[in-house]
Amino acid sequence: MADARDEAQRIMQNLVREQCYLLMLRPADNPPTDFPRSQDELRVDHHAYLVDLERRGLLFAAGPCRDGEGWVRGTGILMVRAPNRAEAQKLADEEPYTKAGFRTVEIVPWQRNEGVTSLNLRLADGVLELDNRRWRLSPAD
């Protein structure tokens, strides 16, 4: 038993942890009814916000919650890199749908302990980077 405990402690001490936060976006219970901008304009702002986070290296992943049947509109997850909860909250507060009152955000701390990241794929820019080499991506068709 002591051998397993010692091994478990050794494993935990050697993990390289990256502090991240899950920003769980959900539709607000009482969204504004007199918002001066269209949903299309908010969608453009939301996309620009995600691209900015991606380019700054803060966005680990993002996307809507959906399954084979579709999705619940306005429900999604942003996985962001932030040194602490206060910084994650700042990122959440600036998300355009949330800032406009159409979404609420639940912040869940998450540490990435295992996994492999060996390339940088910037989807918004159409760029693949690997070991200081860069390729511009284009659609196959």
N, C-alpha and C. Protein backbone atom coordinates (compact mmCIF):
# COMPACT_ATOMS: atom_id res chain seq x y z
N MET A 1 0.83 -1.20 0.00
CA MET A 1 0.00 0.00 0.00
C MET A 1 0.87 1.26 0.00
N ALA A 2 1.94 1.24 0.81
CA ALA A 2 2.81 2.41 0.87
C ALA A 2 3.50 2.65 -0.46
N ASP A 3 3.82 1.57 -1.18
CA ASP A 3 4.47 1.73 -2.50
C ASP A 3 3.54 2.45 -3.47
N ALA A 4 2.27 2.07 -3.47
CA ALA A 4 1.30 2.73 -4.35
C ALA A 4 1.12 4.18 -3.95
N ARG A 5 1.08 4.46 -2.66
CA ARG A 5 0.92 5.84 -2.18
C ARG A 5 2.12 6.68 -2.61
N ASP A 6 3.32 6.13 -2.45
CA ASP A 6 4.53 6.86 -2.86
C ASP A 6 4.53 7.11 -4.37
N GLU A 7 4.13 6.11 -5.14
CA GLU A 7 4.07 6.25 -6.59
C GLU A 7 3.03 7.30 -6.99
N ALA A 8 1.86 7.28 -6.34
CA ALA A 8 0.82 8.27 -6.62
C ALA A 8 1.32 9.68 -6.31
N GLN A 9 2.00 9.85 -5.21
CA GLN A 9 2.55 11.17 -4.86
C GLN A 9 3.60 11.61 -5.88
N ARG A 10 4.44 10.69 -6.31
CA ARG A 10 5.45 11.03 -7.31
C ARG A 10 4.79 11.47 -8.61
N ILE A 11 3.76 10.75 -9.03
CA ILE A 11 3.05 11.10 -10.26
C ILE A 11 2.45 12.50 -10.13
N MET A 12 1.77 12.78 -9.05
CA MET A 12 1.11 14.08 -8.86
C MET A 12 2.14 15.22 -8.82
N GLN A 13 3.30 14.99 -8.23
CA GLN A 13 4.32 16.04 -8.16
C GLN A 13 4.93 16.35 -9.52
N ASN A 14 4.94 15.37 -10.41
CA ASN A 14 5.59 15.56 -11.70
C ASN A 14 4.66 16.05 -12.80
N LEU A 15 3.38 16.17 -12.51
CA LEU A 15 2.45 16.65 -13.53
C LEU A 15 2.72 18.12 -13.85
N VAL A 16 2.70 18.43 -15.12
CA VAL A 16 2.81 19.81 -15.56
C VAL A 16 1.39 20.31 -15.72
N ARG A 17 0.99 21.18 -14.83
CA ARG A 17 -0.41 21.62 -14.82
C ARG A 17 -0.57 22.93 -15.58
N GLU A 18 -1.65 22.99 -16.33
CA GLU A 18 -2.02 24.24 -16.99
C GLU A 18 -3.39 24.63 -16.45
N GLN A 19 -3.46 25.78 -15.80
CA GLN A 19 -4.74 26.22 -15.25
C GLN A 19 -5.62 26.77 -16.36
N CYS A 20 -6.78 26.19 -16.47
CA CYS A 20 -7.77 26.62 -17.45
C CYS A 20 -9.11 26.78 -16.73
N TYR A 21 -10.06 27.34 -17.43
CA TYR A 21 -11.41 27.49 -16.89
C TYR A 21 -12.40 27.16 -17.99
N LEU A 22 -13.45 26.46 -17.61
CA LEU A 22 -14.56 26.22 -18.52
C LEU A 22 -15.58 27.32 -18.29
N LEU A 23 -15.90 28.05 -19.32
CA LEU A 23 -16.94 29.07 -19.25
C LEU A 23 -18.17 28.43 -19.89
N MET A 24 -19.11 28.03 -19.06
CA MET A 24 -20.30 27.33 -19.53
C MET A 24 -21.39 28.35 -19.77
N LEU A 25 -21.69 28.59 -21.03
CA LEU A 25 -22.64 29.63 -21.44
C LEU A 25 -24.03 29.01 -21.59
N ARG A 26 -25.01 29.69 -21.01
CA ARG A 26 -26.40 29.24 -21.11
C ARG A 26 -27.29 30.44 -21.41
N PRO A 27 -28.43 30.19 -22.05
CA PRO A 27 -29.35 31.30 -22.31
C PRO A 27 -29.81 31.95 -20.99
N ALA A 28 -29.88 33.26 -20.98
CA ALA A 28 -30.37 33.99 -19.81
C ALA A 28 -31.85 33.74 -19.62
N ASP A 29 -32.29 33.70 -18.37
CA ASP A 29 -33.72 33.51 -18.09
C ASP A 29 -34.56 34.67 -18.59
N ASN A 30 -34.03 35.88 -18.47
CA ASN A 30 -34.77 37.08 -18.89
C ASN A 30 -33.90 37.93 -19.81
N PRO A 31 -33.75 37.50 -21.08
CA PRO A 31 -32.92 38.29 -21.99
C PRO A 31 -33.58 39.62 -22.31
N PRO A 32 -32.78 40.59 -22.72
CA PRO A 32 -33.35 41.89 -23.06
C PRO A 32 -34.30 41.79 -24.25
N THR A 33 -35.35 42.57 -24.21
CA THR A 33 -36.32 42.57 -25.31
C THR A 33 -36.16 43.80 -26.20
N ASP A 34 -35.42 44.79 -25.73
CA ASP A 34 -35.28 46.04 -26.49
C ASP A 34 -33.82 46.31 -26.86
N PHE A 35 -33.07 45.24 -27.14
CA PHE A 35 -31.66 45.41 -27.47
C PHE A 35 -31.54 46.09 -28.83
N PRO A 36 -30.72 47.13 -28.94
CA PRO A 36 -30.68 47.93 -30.17
C PRO A 36 -29.97 47.28 -31.36
N ARG A 37 -29.33 46.15 -31.15
CA ARG A 37 -28.60 45.50 -32.24
C ARG A 37 -29.23 44.16 -32.58
N SER A 38 -29.00 43.68 -33.79
CA SER A 38 -29.58 42.41 -34.23
C SER A 38 -28.78 41.23 -33.70
N GLN A 39 -29.40 40.06 -33.71
CA GLN A 39 -28.70 38.83 -33.32
C GLN A 39 -27.55 38.54 -34.29
N ASP A 40 -27.72 38.91 -35.56
CA ASP A 40 -26.64 38.72 -36.53
C ASP A 40 -25.43 39.57 -36.16
N GLU A 41 -25.67 40.79 -35.74
CA GLU A 41 -24.55 41.65 -35.32
C GLU A 41 -23.86 41.08 -34.09
N LEU A 42 -24.64 40.56 -33.15
CA LEU A 42 -24.05 39.93 -31.96
C LEU A 42 -23.24 38.70 -32.34
N ARG A 43 -23.72 37.93 -33.30
CA ARG A 43 -22.99 36.74 -33.75
C ARG A 43 -21.65 37.12 -34.33
N VAL A 44 -21.62 38.20 -35.13
CA VAL A 44 -20.36 38.69 -35.70
C VAL A 44 -19.42 39.13 -34.57
N ASP A 45 -19.95 39.85 -33.59
CA ASP A 45 -19.14 40.29 -32.44
C ASP A 45 -18.60 39.09 -31.65
N HIS A 46 -19.45 38.08 -31.45
CA HIS A 46 -19.05 36.88 -30.72
C HIS A 46 -17.90 36.18 -31.44
N HIS A 47 -18.03 36.04 -32.76
CA HIS A 47 -16.97 35.41 -33.54
C HIS A 47 -15.67 36.21 -33.45
N ALA A 48 -15.77 37.52 -33.59
CA ALA A 48 -14.57 38.37 -33.49
C ALA A 48 -13.92 38.23 -32.11
N TYR A 49 -14.74 38.13 -31.07
CA TYR A 49 -14.22 37.96 -29.71
C TYR A 49 -13.45 36.65 -29.60
N LEU A 50 -14.01 35.56 -30.13
CA LEU A 50 -13.34 34.27 -30.06
C LEU A 50 -12.03 34.28 -30.86
N VAL A 51 -12.05 34.90 -32.02
CA VAL A 51 -10.84 35.00 -32.84
C VAL A 51 -9.76 35.77 -32.07
N ASP A 52 -10.15 36.85 -31.40
CA ASP A 52 -9.20 37.63 -30.61
C ASP A 52 -8.59 36.77 -29.49
N LEU A 53 -9.44 36.05 -28.76
CA LEU A 53 -8.93 35.17 -27.69
C LEU A 53 -7.99 34.11 -28.27
N GLU A 54 -8.37 33.55 -29.41
CA GLU A 54 -7.54 32.54 -30.06
C GLU A 54 -6.17 33.11 -30.42
N ARG A 55 -6.15 34.27 -31.04
CA ARG A 55 -4.89 34.88 -31.46
C ARG A 55 -4.02 35.27 -30.28
N ARG A 56 -4.63 35.57 -29.15
CA ARG A 56 -3.87 35.93 -27.94
C ARG A 56 -3.43 34.69 -27.16
N GLY A 57 -3.80 33.50 -27.64
CA GLY A 57 -3.40 32.27 -26.98
C GLY A 57 -4.20 31.94 -25.73
N LEU A 58 -5.35 32.60 -25.55
CA LEU A 58 -6.16 32.39 -24.35
C LEU A 58 -7.26 31.36 -24.56
N LEU A 59 -7.65 31.11 -25.80
CA LEU A 59 -8.74 30.19 -26.09
C LEU A 59 -8.18 28.80 -26.37
N PHE A 60 -8.49 27.86 -25.50
CA PHE A 60 -8.06 26.48 -25.67
C PHE A 60 -9.01 25.75 -26.61
N ALA A 61 -10.30 25.99 -26.45
CA ALA A 61 -11.32 25.38 -27.31
C ALA A 61 -12.64 26.12 -27.08
N ALA A 62 -13.54 26.02 -28.07
CA ALA A 62 -14.86 26.65 -27.94
C ALA A 62 -15.82 25.98 -28.89
N GLY A 63 -17.09 25.98 -28.50
CA GLY A 63 -18.09 25.46 -29.40
C GLY A 63 -19.44 25.30 -28.73
N PRO A 64 -20.47 25.13 -29.55
CA PRO A 64 -21.82 24.96 -29.01
C PRO A 64 -22.00 23.55 -28.46
N CYS A 65 -22.94 23.40 -27.55
CA CYS A 65 -23.30 22.08 -27.03
C CYS A 65 -24.38 21.52 -27.94
N ARG A 66 -24.05 20.49 -28.65
CA ARG A 66 -25.03 19.89 -29.55
C ARG A 66 -24.76 18.39 -29.67
N ASP A 67 -25.78 17.70 -30.11
CA ASP A 67 -25.66 16.28 -30.36
C ASP A 67 -26.21 16.00 -31.76
N GLY A 68 -26.47 14.77 -32.06
CA GLY A 68 -26.98 14.41 -33.37
C GLY A 68 -28.34 14.99 -33.68
N GLU A 69 -29.06 15.39 -32.65
CA GLU A 69 -30.41 15.94 -32.83
C GLU A 69 -30.41 17.46 -33.00
N GLY A 70 -29.28 18.11 -32.79
CA GLY A 70 -29.23 19.56 -32.89
C GLY A 70 -28.56 20.16 -31.67
N TRP A 71 -29.03 21.31 -31.25
CA TRP A 71 -28.43 21.95 -30.10
C TRP A 71 -29.45 22.75 -29.35
N VAL A 72 -29.05 23.17 -28.16
CA VAL A 72 -29.85 24.12 -27.39
C VAL A 72 -29.25 25.48 -27.70
N ARG A 73 -30.00 26.30 -28.43
CA ARG A 73 -29.47 27.59 -28.86
C ARG A 73 -28.97 28.42 -27.69
N GLY A 74 -27.77 28.96 -27.85
CA GLY A 74 -27.18 29.81 -26.82
C GLY A 74 -26.39 29.06 -25.78
N THR A 75 -26.35 27.73 -25.87
CA THR A 75 -25.61 26.94 -24.90
C THR A 75 -24.29 26.52 -25.52
N GLY A 76 -23.19 26.81 -24.83
CA GLY A 76 -21.88 26.44 -25.35
C GLY A 76 -20.84 26.50 -24.26
N ILE A 77 -19.63 26.12 -24.62
CA ILE A 77 -18.51 26.11 -23.68
C ILE A 77 -17.32 26.79 -24.32
N LEU A 78 -16.70 27.67 -23.55
CA LEU A 78 -15.40 28.22 -23.90
C LEU A 78 -14.40 27.67 -22.89
N MET A 79 -13.30 27.11 -23.37
CA MET A 79 -12.23 26.66 -22.48
C MET A 79 -11.12 27.68 -22.64
N VAL A 80 -10.84 28.41 -21.56
CA VAL A 80 -9.87 29.49 -21.64
C VAL A 80 -8.70 29.25 -20.69
N ARG A 81 -7.56 29.79 -21.08
CA ARG A 81 -6.38 29.78 -20.22
C ARG A 81 -6.40 31.08 -19.43
N ALA A 82 -6.35 30.96 -18.12
CA ALA A 82 -6.32 32.15 -17.26
C ALA A 82 -5.57 31.78 -15.99
N PRO A 83 -4.81 32.71 -15.45
CA PRO A 83 -4.02 32.40 -14.25
C PRO A 83 -4.86 32.24 -12.98
N ASN A 84 -6.07 32.83 -13.00
CA ASN A 84 -6.92 32.75 -11.81
C ASN A 84 -8.38 33.00 -12.20
N ARG A 85 -9.26 32.77 -11.24
CA ARG A 85 -10.69 32.90 -11.49
C ARG A 85 -11.09 34.34 -11.86
N ALA A 86 -10.45 35.32 -11.23
CA ALA A 86 -10.79 36.72 -11.53
C ALA A 86 -10.52 37.05 -13.00
N GLU A 87 -9.41 36.54 -13.54
CA GLU A 87 -9.11 36.78 -14.97
C GLU A 87 -10.09 36.03 -15.86
N ALA A 88 -10.47 34.82 -15.46
CA ALA A 88 -11.48 34.07 -16.21
C ALA A 88 -12.80 34.82 -16.20
N GLN A 89 -13.14 35.42 -15.07
CA GLN A 89 -14.39 36.18 -14.97
C GLN A 89 -14.37 37.39 -15.90
N LYS A 90 -13.22 38.05 -16.01
CA LYS A 90 -13.09 39.18 -16.93
C LYS A 90 -13.35 38.73 -18.38
N LEU A 91 -12.78 37.58 -18.74
CA LEU A 91 -13.00 37.06 -20.09
C LEU A 91 -14.47 36.73 -20.30
N ALA A 92 -15.10 36.13 -19.30
CA ALA A 92 -16.52 35.78 -19.40
C ALA A 92 -17.38 37.03 -19.54
N ASP A 93 -17.07 38.05 -18.77
CA ASP A 93 -17.87 39.28 -18.78
C ASP A 93 -17.79 40.01 -20.12
N GLU A 94 -16.72 39.80 -20.87
CA GLU A 94 -16.55 40.49 -22.15
C GLU A 94 -17.14 39.73 -23.33
N GLU A 95 -17.58 38.49 -23.12
CA GLU A 95 -18.19 37.72 -24.22
C GLU A 95 -19.45 38.48 -24.65
N PRO A 96 -19.59 38.81 -25.93
CA PRO A 96 -20.65 39.72 -26.38
C PRO A 96 -22.08 39.32 -26.01
N TYR A 97 -22.47 38.06 -26.14
CA TYR A 97 -23.84 37.67 -25.77
C TYR A 97 -24.06 37.83 -24.27
N THR A 98 -23.03 37.50 -23.50
CA THR A 98 -23.13 37.63 -22.03
C THR A 98 -23.19 39.11 -21.64
N LYS A 99 -22.31 39.89 -22.24
CA LYS A 99 -22.26 41.33 -21.96
C LYS A 99 -23.59 42.00 -22.28
N ALA A 100 -24.27 41.51 -23.33
CA ALA A 100 -25.55 42.08 -23.74
C ALA A 100 -26.74 41.54 -22.94
N GLY A 101 -26.49 40.54 -22.08
CA GLY A 101 -27.56 40.01 -21.24
C GLY A 101 -28.31 38.82 -21.81
N PHE A 102 -27.83 38.26 -22.93
CA PHE A 102 -28.51 37.12 -23.54
C PHE A 102 -28.05 35.77 -22.99
N ARG A 103 -26.90 35.76 -22.30
CA ARG A 103 -26.37 34.52 -21.74
C ARG A 103 -25.90 34.75 -20.32
N THR A 104 -25.89 33.67 -19.56
CA THR A 104 -25.25 33.65 -18.25
C THR A 104 -24.05 32.72 -18.36
N VAL A 105 -23.10 32.88 -17.45
CA VAL A 105 -21.89 32.08 -17.50
C VAL A 105 -21.64 31.43 -16.14
N GLU A 106 -21.37 30.15 -16.17
CA GLU A 106 -20.88 29.44 -14.98
C GLU A 106 -19.41 29.17 -15.23
N ILE A 107 -18.56 29.50 -14.26
CA ILE A 107 -17.12 29.32 -14.41
C ILE A 107 -16.69 28.11 -13.58
N VAL A 108 -16.05 27.15 -14.25
CA VAL A 108 -15.59 25.94 -13.59
C VAL A 108 -14.08 25.84 -13.78
N PRO A 109 -13.30 25.84 -12.67
CA PRO A 109 -11.86 25.69 -12.81
C PRO A 109 -11.51 24.29 -13.32
N TRP A 110 -10.48 24.21 -14.16
CA TRP A 110 -10.06 22.93 -14.71
C TRP A 110 -8.56 22.98 -14.94
N GLN A 111 -7.86 21.97 -14.45
CA GLN A 111 -6.43 21.87 -14.70
C GLN A 111 -6.17 20.77 -15.70
N ARG A 112 -5.47 21.14 -16.74
CA ARG A 112 -5.07 20.14 -17.73
C ARG A 112 -3.77 19.53 -17.22
N ASN A 113 -3.82 18.23 -16.89
CA ASN A 113 -2.66 17.53 -16.36
C ASN A 113 -2.01 16.61 -17.37
N GLU A 114 -2.80 16.00 -18.20
CA GLU A 114 -2.28 15.07 -19.18
C GLU A 114 -2.79 15.47 -20.55
N GLY A 115 -2.11 14.97 -21.55
CA GLY A 115 -2.50 15.24 -22.92
C GLY A 115 -1.29 15.70 -23.73
N VAL A 116 -1.47 15.82 -25.02
CA VAL A 116 -0.39 16.21 -25.90
C VAL A 116 -0.84 17.41 -26.72
N THR A 117 -0.02 18.42 -26.78
CA THR A 117 -0.22 19.54 -27.68
C THR A 117 1.08 19.72 -28.43
N SER A 118 1.06 19.43 -29.70
CA SER A 118 2.31 19.49 -30.46
C SER A 118 2.22 20.37 -31.69
N LEU A 119 1.08 20.97 -31.92
CA LEU A 119 0.96 21.86 -33.06
C LEU A 119 0.01 22.99 -32.73
N ASN A 120 0.07 24.03 -33.54
CA ASN A 120 -0.79 25.19 -33.37
C ASN A 120 -1.61 25.33 -34.65
N LEU A 121 -2.89 25.06 -34.54
CA LEU A 121 -3.80 25.20 -35.67
C LEU A 121 -4.70 26.38 -35.38
N ARG A 122 -4.48 27.49 -36.10
CA ARG A 122 -5.28 28.69 -35.92
C ARG A 122 -6.35 28.70 -37.00
N LEU A 123 -7.51 28.18 -36.65
CA LEU A 123 -8.59 28.02 -37.61
C LEU A 123 -9.04 29.34 -38.22
N ALA A 124 -9.15 30.36 -37.39
CA ALA A 124 -9.64 31.65 -37.89
C ALA A 124 -8.69 32.26 -38.92
N ASP A 125 -7.39 31.96 -38.80
CA ASP A 125 -6.41 32.50 -39.73
C ASP A 125 -6.07 31.53 -40.85
N GLY A 126 -6.51 30.27 -40.72
CA GLY A 126 -6.16 29.26 -41.71
C GLY A 126 -4.67 28.96 -41.71
N VAL A 127 -4.08 28.85 -40.50
CA VAL A 127 -2.64 28.65 -40.37
C VAL A 127 -2.37 27.42 -39.50
N LEU A 128 -1.40 26.61 -39.94
CA LEU A 128 -0.90 25.49 -39.16
C LEU A 128 0.56 25.76 -38.85
N GLU A 129 0.92 25.71 -37.57
CA GLU A 129 2.30 25.92 -37.15
C GLU A 129 2.80 24.66 -36.46
N LEU A 130 4.04 24.25 -36.82
CA LEU A 130 4.66 23.09 -36.22
C LEU A 130 6.15 23.34 -36.13
N ASP A 131 6.69 23.32 -34.91
CA ASP A 131 8.13 23.51 -34.71
C ASP A 131 8.67 24.72 -35.48
N ASN A 132 8.10 25.87 -35.28
CA ASN A 132 8.52 27.13 -35.91
C ASN A 132 8.37 27.14 -37.42
N ARG A 133 7.64 26.19 -37.98
CA ARG A 133 7.33 26.20 -39.41
C ARG A 133 5.86 26.54 -39.53
N ARG A 134 5.50 27.20 -40.61
CA ARG A 134 4.12 27.67 -40.79
C ARG A 134 3.62 27.32 -42.19
N TRP A 135 2.38 26.84 -42.23
CA TRP A 135 1.71 26.55 -43.48
C TRP A 135 0.39 27.28 -43.52
N ARG A 136 0.05 27.87 -44.64
CA ARG A 136 -1.27 28.47 -44.83
C ARG A 136 -2.18 27.38 -45.36
N LEU A 137 -3.32 27.24 -44.72
CA LEU A 137 -4.31 26.23 -45.11
C LEU A 137 -5.34 26.84 -46.02
N SER A 138 -5.85 26.04 -46.93
CA SER A 138 -6.95 26.49 -47.78
C SER A 138 -7.90 25.31 -47.96
N PRO A 139 -9.17 25.62 -48.25
CA PRO A 139 -10.13 24.53 -48.46
C PRO A 139 -9.71 23.64 -49.61
N ALA A 140 -10.01 22.34 -49.50
CA ALA A 140 -9.65 21.38 -50.55
C ALA A 140 -10.48 21.60 -51.80
N ASP A 141 -11.68 22.08 -51.65
CA ASP A 141 -12.55 22.28 -52.82
C ASP A 141 -12.64 23.72 -53.19
